[in-house]
Amino acid sequence: MKFNFYILGSEQERPSSRKTIFVDGSPDSSFREGIDMELSHWIPNQTPERYKADTSTEICMKFISEESSEDWDLAINNHLDVDGVLSIFTLVYPDFALAHRQTIIEAAEMGDFWAWGSEPAQRLFQGLTLLMNDLRSQDTDIQTIYEKCFQKAMELIEGNTEDERILKGIRALQDSLHKVESGEIERKVYHNRFVHYHIPAKTMSGQMDQALKVPEFNAALADDLLLYPQVRSLKDREKVHMVSIEGKDGTYYDLWYPGYMWADTPDSWRAPGFIFKGSTNGYFFGYPPLQGAIDKMKAAESAKGTWTLVQELSPFSSIKGRNYPVVLSFIGEGHEPAASHLKPDEVAQVLAEAFKG
């Protein structure tokens, strides 16, 4: 039986259902205990343990691999992003999805976690994101957006990349990767949970905005970043990343946590400090070893600005003036990134110690 699907917020009529699967979001008040099921990595969730995985898309892949879908007649989601689209797509087109399992899962990870993906996954992620953005800007009904995304997903997986914006975004990502692999952007691993990326002034060539930018959740690839988080994720997915940028008056700093930390990710390292606050995908942050490292840096700092540690965060918010998943920055009075007088190697050494063991 082919799944019907419905996206909450659509003006179209919601189909009736004997048994519903709520996918990649929180169920609404119509959820029936003992009848319906949740397949989601949002926190909190009621996803059966046997299906749990890092993305909702992979959760749905496990479901269609292990269980007949004959008893289920409706899949529901409540929002629009790549993982959400591909989760529903997997249930609606299970044979096609399983045949392209890895590409589809990697594309979902690129969207939700700023993760690296193979070239086919890059094409799928970029094409879907651009289409979603275009249709959303035209006030297209969300149900229709999903339908058009399903058609586009098949075209992209089969190799259709006619949209020049897809190729432009992939080229920008590859250029960022080249900067790391060539040493133009420096990479130093301190231990298995901490890595330092440094952007020298000669590499930046005056592109401070592109060096400092923190992309939004599920942002399309564009030529507005020097160092993509997806590139850093290629070799350092399960590490804390310190990114330093050489400026005229000192060095700019951001400390990035793994992008997947907001979700229920049983297959990945859980970095310390996230404390669930009780609301969907919202957290308090507190990690005494990191606070101790910050106290040392504050005592040594002579520049105008403040070493600022996040107190609360979600996939869409962090330190004022930065964005998730940055948890620590050196910030000026106007909540803008500021240049520290501390040396990058010294800062990296202090912060790396906080995540040992």
Protein backbone atom coordinates (compact mmCIF):
# COMPACT_ATOMS: atom_id res chain seq x y z
CA MET A 1 0.00 0.00 0.00
CA LYS A 2 1.31 3.45 -0.94
CA PHE A 3 1.34 5.93 1.91
CA ASN A 4 -0.83 8.98 1.82
CA PHE A 5 0.93 11.93 3.38
CA TYR A 6 -0.14 15.21 4.86
CA ILE A 7 1.82 18.23 6.06
CA LEU A 8 0.38 20.14 8.99
CA GLY A 9 -0.29 23.75 8.06
CA SER A 10 -1.50 22.88 4.57
CA GLU A 11 -4.81 24.32 3.41
CA GLN A 12 -5.61 21.00 1.74
CA GLU A 13 -7.94 18.56 3.46
CA ARG A 14 -6.29 16.14 5.84
CA PRO A 15 -7.01 12.51 4.88
CA SER A 16 -8.63 10.21 7.39
CA SER A 17 -6.41 7.48 8.77
CA ARG A 18 -6.66 4.16 10.54
CA LYS A 19 -3.02 4.26 11.65
CA THR A 20 -0.76 7.28 11.26
CA ILE A 21 3.01 7.71 11.38
CA PHE A 22 4.18 11.12 12.59
CA VAL A 23 7.54 11.83 10.98
CA ASP A 24 10.46 14.17 11.81
CA GLY A 25 8.57 16.52 14.07
CA SER A 26 6.32 16.50 17.09
CA PRO A 27 2.90 14.84 16.81
CA ASP A 28 -0.11 17.10 17.17
CA SER A 29 -3.04 16.50 19.52
CA SER A 30 -4.53 13.91 17.16
CA PHE A 31 -1.82 11.37 18.09
CA ARG A 32 -3.48 8.18 19.39
CA GLU A 33 -1.49 6.19 21.93
CA GLY A 34 -1.34 2.52 21.01
CA ILE A 35 -2.50 3.20 17.45
CA ASP A 36 -0.22 5.78 15.86
CA MET A 37 3.58 5.81 15.79
CA GLU A 38 6.32 8.42 15.83
CA LEU A 39 9.46 8.18 13.66
CA SER A 40 11.43 11.27 14.61
CA HIS A 41 14.79 12.39 16.00
CA TRP A 42 13.34 15.53 17.57
CA ILE A 43 13.66 15.70 21.34
CA PRO A 44 11.56 14.46 23.04
CA ASN A 45 10.23 11.62 20.88
CA GLN A 46 8.49 8.26 21.17
CA THR A 47 10.36 6.56 18.32
CA PRO A 48 10.60 2.79 18.93
CA GLU A 49 14.11 1.90 20.04
CA ARG A 50 14.67 -0.56 17.18
CA TYR A 51 14.30 2.21 14.59
CA LYS A 52 16.32 4.96 16.28
CA ALA A 53 19.04 6.62 14.18
CA ASP A 54 20.62 10.06 13.86
CA THR A 55 18.26 11.50 11.22
CA SER A 56 14.55 10.98 10.81
CA THR A 57 15.28 9.91 7.24
CA GLU A 58 17.47 7.04 8.45
CA ILE A 59 14.84 6.14 11.05
CA CYS A 60 12.32 5.80 8.22
CA MET A 61 14.83 3.76 6.20
CA LYS A 62 15.11 1.34 9.12
CA PHE A 63 11.34 1.14 9.38
CA ILE A 64 10.75 0.26 5.72
CA SER A 65 13.65 -2.22 5.83
CA GLU A 66 12.36 -4.09 8.86
CA GLU A 67 8.58 -3.80 8.87
CA SER A 68 5.71 -4.06 6.40
CA SER A 69 3.92 -0.76 5.89
CA GLU A 70 0.60 -2.39 5.01
CA ASP A 71 -1.01 -1.50 8.34
CA TRP A 72 -0.17 2.20 8.00
CA ASP A 73 -2.02 4.54 5.68
CA LEU A 74 -0.88 8.10 6.47
CA ALA A 75 2.43 9.86 7.15
CA ILE A 76 2.37 13.34 8.71
CA ASN A 77 5.03 16.01 9.19
CA ASN A 78 4.75 19.50 10.62
CA HIS A 79 7.55 21.51 8.96
CA LEU A 80 9.68 21.98 5.86
CA ASP A 81 13.36 21.04 5.60
CA VAL A 82 15.43 18.47 3.73
CA ASP A 83 15.32 15.77 6.43
CA GLY A 84 11.57 16.23 6.74
CA VAL A 85 11.00 15.97 3.00
CA LEU A 86 13.26 12.93 2.63
CA SER A 87 11.68 11.19 5.63
CA ILE A 88 8.22 11.36 4.08
CA PHE A 89 9.68 10.57 0.65
CA THR A 90 11.20 7.38 2.07
CA LEU A 91 7.81 6.18 3.31
CA VAL A 92 5.95 7.15 0.14
CA TYR A 93 8.55 5.71 -2.28
CA PRO A 94 10.23 2.93 -0.26
CA ASP A 95 11.71 0.92 -3.14
CA PHE A 96 13.31 3.97 -4.75
CA ALA A 97 14.53 5.22 -1.37
CA LEU A 98 16.17 1.93 -0.42
CA ALA A 99 17.92 1.77 -3.80
CA HIS A 100 19.52 5.15 -3.04
CA ARG A 101 19.71 4.84 0.72
CA GLN A 102 23.17 6.32 1.36
CA THR A 103 22.71 9.35 -0.88
CA ILE A 104 19.36 10.18 0.70
CA ILE A 105 20.62 9.79 4.28
CA GLU A 106 23.71 11.92 3.59
CA ALA A 107 21.58 14.69 2.06
CA ALA A 108 19.41 14.71 5.19
CA GLU A 109 22.53 14.96 7.37
CA MET A 110 23.83 17.88 5.30
CA GLY A 111 20.62 19.76 6.01
CA ASP A 112 20.03 19.00 9.67
CA PHE A 113 23.63 18.66 10.88
CA TRP A 114 25.85 20.68 8.47
CA ALA A 115 27.45 17.30 7.68
CA TRP A 116 29.58 16.30 4.70
CA GLY A 117 27.98 14.30 1.90
CA SER A 118 29.13 12.66 -1.31
CA GLU A 119 28.64 14.54 -4.60
CA PRO A 120 25.25 12.88 -5.29
CA ALA A 121 24.14 13.85 -1.78
CA GLN A 122 25.39 17.41 -2.31
CA ARG A 123 23.35 17.61 -5.50
CA LEU A 124 20.24 16.28 -3.76
CA PHE A 125 20.61 18.55 -0.73
CA GLN A 126 21.32 21.66 -2.78
CA GLY A 127 18.58 21.06 -5.33
CA LEU A 128 15.91 20.40 -2.72
CA THR A 129 16.93 23.36 -0.59
CA LEU A 130 16.84 25.76 -3.54
CA LEU A 131 13.44 24.46 -4.63
CA MET A 132 12.03 24.72 -1.11
CA ASN A 133 13.29 28.28 -0.80
CA ASP A 134 11.85 29.26 -4.19
CA LEU A 135 8.42 27.78 -3.50
CA ARG A 136 8.28 29.14 0.04
CA SER A 137 9.00 32.65 -1.27
CA GLN A 138 6.00 32.26 -3.60
CA ASP A 139 3.71 31.33 -0.66
CA THR A 140 3.13 27.88 -2.16
CA ASP A 141 1.06 25.55 0.01
CA ILE A 142 3.39 23.32 2.04
CA GLN A 143 1.67 20.14 0.79
CA THR A 144 2.36 21.21 -2.79
CA ILE A 145 5.97 22.00 -1.90
CA TYR A 146 6.42 18.44 -0.64
CA GLU A 147 4.87 17.02 -3.81
CA LYS A 148 7.20 19.07 -6.03
CA CYS A 149 10.18 18.14 -3.86
CA PHE A 150 9.43 14.44 -4.31
CA GLN A 151 9.55 14.82 -8.09
CA LYS A 152 12.71 16.92 -7.85
CA ALA A 153 14.37 14.37 -5.53
CA MET A 154 13.98 11.63 -8.13
CA GLU A 155 15.35 13.88 -10.87
CA LEU A 156 18.34 14.93 -8.77
CA ILE A 157 19.19 11.39 -7.70
CA GLU A 158 19.06 10.32 -11.34
CA GLY A 159 21.60 13.04 -12.21
CA ASN A 160 19.57 16.05 -13.38
CA THR A 161 21.49 19.20 -12.42
CA GLU A 162 20.23 21.73 -14.96
CA ASP A 163 19.92 24.50 -12.35
CA GLU A 164 23.23 26.37 -12.45
CA ARG A 165 22.73 27.33 -8.79
CA ILE A 166 23.15 23.67 -7.84
CA LEU A 167 26.52 23.46 -9.56
CA LYS A 168 27.60 26.85 -8.22
CA GLY A 169 26.91 25.76 -4.64
CA ILE A 170 28.78 22.49 -5.09
CA ARG A 171 31.75 24.34 -6.60
CA ALA A 172 31.81 26.68 -3.58
CA LEU A 173 31.85 23.68 -1.24
CA GLN A 174 34.65 22.03 -3.20
CA ASP A 175 36.66 25.27 -3.19
CA SER A 176 36.34 25.42 0.59
CA LEU A 177 37.52 21.80 0.82
CA HIS A 178 40.51 22.61 -1.40
CA LYS A 179 41.54 25.42 0.94
CA VAL A 180 41.75 22.94 3.81
CA GLU A 181 43.43 20.16 1.85
CA SER A 182 46.03 22.56 0.40
CA GLY A 183 46.85 24.05 3.80
CA GLU A 184 45.53 27.52 2.92
CA ILE A 185 43.23 26.97 5.88
CA GLU A 186 45.23 25.28 8.63
CA ARG A 187 43.97 22.21 10.51
CA LYS A 188 45.45 20.79 13.70
CA VAL A 189 43.97 17.89 15.65
CA TYR A 190 44.71 18.02 19.40
CA HIS A 191 42.97 14.76 20.30
CA ASN A 192 40.03 12.67 19.17
CA ARG A 193 37.48 15.22 20.44
CA PHE A 194 39.08 18.55 19.54
CA VAL A 195 40.35 20.16 16.34
CA HIS A 196 41.56 23.66 15.47
CA TYR A 197 40.95 25.32 12.10
CA HIS A 198 42.80 28.60 11.46
CA ILE A 199 42.14 31.04 8.60
CA PRO A 200 45.24 33.20 8.02
CA ALA A 201 44.90 36.75 6.71
CA LYS A 202 46.56 35.81 3.42
CA THR A 203 43.88 33.18 2.78
CA MET A 204 41.05 35.48 3.77
CA SER A 205 42.08 38.24 1.31
CA GLY A 206 39.79 40.78 2.94
CA GLN A 207 36.77 38.45 3.04
CA MET A 208 36.13 38.87 6.75
CA ASP A 209 32.34 38.55 6.41
CA GLN A 210 32.71 35.24 4.56
CA ALA A 211 35.18 34.00 7.18
CA LEU A 212 32.96 34.92 10.13
CA LYS A 213 29.60 33.84 8.74
CA VAL A 214 27.70 31.09 10.57
CA PRO A 215 25.17 29.58 8.12
CA GLU A 216 21.56 29.18 9.16
CA PHE A 217 19.88 25.82 9.67
CA ASN A 218 19.45 23.97 6.35
CA ALA A 219 21.01 26.88 4.42
CA ALA A 220 21.71 26.35 0.72
CA LEU A 221 25.32 26.18 -0.41
CA ALA A 222 26.52 29.53 -1.77
CA ASP A 223 29.78 31.36 -2.39
CA ASP A 224 29.42 33.39 0.82
CA LEU A 225 31.55 31.20 3.13
CA LEU A 226 35.28 30.56 3.26
CA LEU A 227 35.11 27.53 5.53
CA TYR A 228 31.97 25.46 5.32
CA PRO A 229 30.97 23.48 8.42
CA GLN A 230 30.24 20.61 6.03
CA VAL A 231 33.93 20.62 5.04
CA ARG A 232 35.07 20.52 8.65
CA SER A 233 32.66 17.66 9.25
CA LEU A 234 34.34 15.51 6.58
CA LYS A 235 37.23 14.52 8.87
CA ASP A 236 36.05 15.89 12.22
CA ARG A 237 32.34 15.14 12.52
CA GLU A 238 32.51 13.99 16.15
CA LYS A 239 34.81 16.69 17.50
CA VAL A 240 34.51 20.14 19.01
CA HIS A 241 35.93 22.65 16.51
CA MET A 242 37.78 25.84 17.35
CA VAL A 243 37.81 28.21 14.38
CA SER A 244 40.20 31.17 14.53
CA ILE A 245 40.48 33.99 11.99
CA GLU A 246 43.47 36.29 11.74
CA GLY A 247 42.47 39.97 11.79
CA LYS A 248 44.32 43.28 11.73
CA ASP A 249 44.04 43.84 15.48
CA GLY A 250 44.02 40.28 16.77
CA THR A 251 42.23 36.99 16.25
CA TYR A 252 38.52 36.16 16.03
CA TYR A 253 37.30 32.98 17.70
CA ASP A 254 34.30 30.67 17.58
CA LEU A 255 33.94 27.31 19.32
CA TRP A 256 31.62 25.02 17.36
CA TYR A 257 29.89 21.96 18.77
CA PRO A 258 28.89 19.11 16.43
CA GLY A 259 25.91 20.25 14.38
CA TYR A 260 23.91 17.14 15.27
CA MET A 261 23.83 17.91 19.00
CA TRP A 262 20.32 19.40 18.96
CA ALA A 263 18.76 16.08 17.92
CA ASP A 264 18.42 12.58 19.36
CA THR A 265 21.52 11.04 17.75
CA PRO A 266 22.22 7.61 19.29
CA ASP A 267 24.89 6.75 16.71
CA SER A 268 27.10 9.79 17.39
CA TRP A 269 29.28 11.10 20.22
CA ARG A 270 27.38 13.34 22.60
CA ALA A 271 29.58 16.32 23.44
CA PRO A 272 29.24 17.46 27.07
CA GLY A 273 27.15 20.38 28.26
CA PHE A 274 23.73 20.12 26.61
CA ILE A 275 20.94 19.96 29.20
CA PHE A 276 17.42 19.43 27.81
CA LYS A 277 15.16 22.23 29.07
CA GLY A 278 11.83 20.47 28.53
CA SER A 279 10.72 22.31 25.39
CA THR A 280 11.14 20.83 21.91
CA ASN A 281 14.81 20.81 20.84
CA GLY A 282 15.72 23.45 23.43
CA TYR A 283 18.70 23.25 25.79
CA PHE A 284 20.48 24.92 28.63
CA PHE A 285 24.26 24.76 28.40
CA GLY A 286 26.70 24.11 31.20
CA TYR A 287 30.09 22.39 31.26
CA PRO A 288 32.39 23.26 34.19
CA PRO A 289 35.71 22.27 32.50
CA LEU A 290 34.92 24.64 29.64
CA GLN A 291 33.96 27.40 32.06
CA GLY A 292 37.29 26.87 33.81
CA ALA A 293 39.12 27.27 30.50
CA ILE A 294 37.20 30.47 29.80
CA ASP A 295 38.12 31.87 33.21
CA LYS A 296 41.81 31.37 32.36
CA MET A 297 41.40 33.16 29.03
CA LYS A 298 39.49 36.03 30.60
CA ALA A 299 42.31 36.55 33.08
CA ALA A 300 44.86 36.73 30.26
CA GLU A 301 42.78 38.82 27.84
CA SER A 302 43.70 42.47 27.17
CA ALA A 303 41.44 43.25 24.21
CA LYS A 304 38.06 44.98 24.41
CA GLY A 305 35.41 42.33 24.33
CA THR A 306 34.12 39.38 26.32
CA TRP A 307 34.60 35.65 26.11
CA THR A 308 30.91 34.75 25.87
CA LEU A 309 29.57 31.26 26.57
CA VAL A 310 26.06 30.32 25.48
CA GLN A 311 23.48 29.82 28.25
CA GLU A 312 20.53 28.53 26.20
CA LEU A 313 20.39 27.26 22.64
CA SER A 314 18.34 25.52 19.97
CA PRO A 315 18.96 24.64 16.31
CA PHE A 316 17.99 28.23 15.49
CA SER A 317 19.63 30.27 18.23
CA SER A 318 22.79 30.54 20.28
CA ILE A 319 25.00 33.45 21.37
CA LYS A 320 23.56 36.80 20.29
CA GLY A 321 25.51 37.86 17.23
CA ARG A 322 26.47 34.31 16.27
CA ASN A 323 24.33 31.24 15.60
CA TYR A 324 23.95 27.55 16.45
CA PRO A 325 26.10 25.45 16.86
CA VAL A 326 28.61 28.04 18.11
CA VAL A 327 28.77 27.86 21.92
CA LEU A 328 31.65 30.26 22.66
CA SER A 329 32.88 33.44 20.96
CA PHE A 330 34.87 36.56 21.73
CA ILE A 331 32.18 39.24 21.43
CA GLY A 332 32.21 43.04 21.39
CA GLU A 333 29.87 45.47 23.16
CA GLY A 334 27.47 45.55 20.22
CA HIS A 335 27.18 41.74 20.16
CA GLU A 336 29.47 41.55 17.13
CA PRO A 337 32.55 39.31 16.82
CA ALA A 338 35.62 41.07 18.22
CA ALA A 339 39.36 40.50 17.89
CA SER A 340 41.09 38.92 20.88
CA HIS A 341 44.73 39.56 21.75
CA LEU A 342 45.29 35.93 22.75
CA LYS A 343 47.31 33.73 20.39
CA PRO A 344 45.47 30.94 18.52
CA ASP A 345 47.79 28.14 19.69
CA GLU A 346 47.42 29.23 23.31
CA VAL A 347 43.63 29.40 23.11
CA ALA A 348 43.42 26.04 21.35
CA GLN A 349 45.61 24.37 23.97
CA VAL A 350 43.48 25.67 26.84
CA LEU A 351 40.19 24.72 25.20
CA ALA A 352 41.41 21.30 24.06
CA GLU A 353 42.21 20.37 27.66
CA ALA A 354 38.56 20.92 28.58
CA PHE A 355 37.46 18.11 26.27
CA LYS A 356 40.09 15.47 27.04
CA GLY A 357 39.00 12.15 28.42
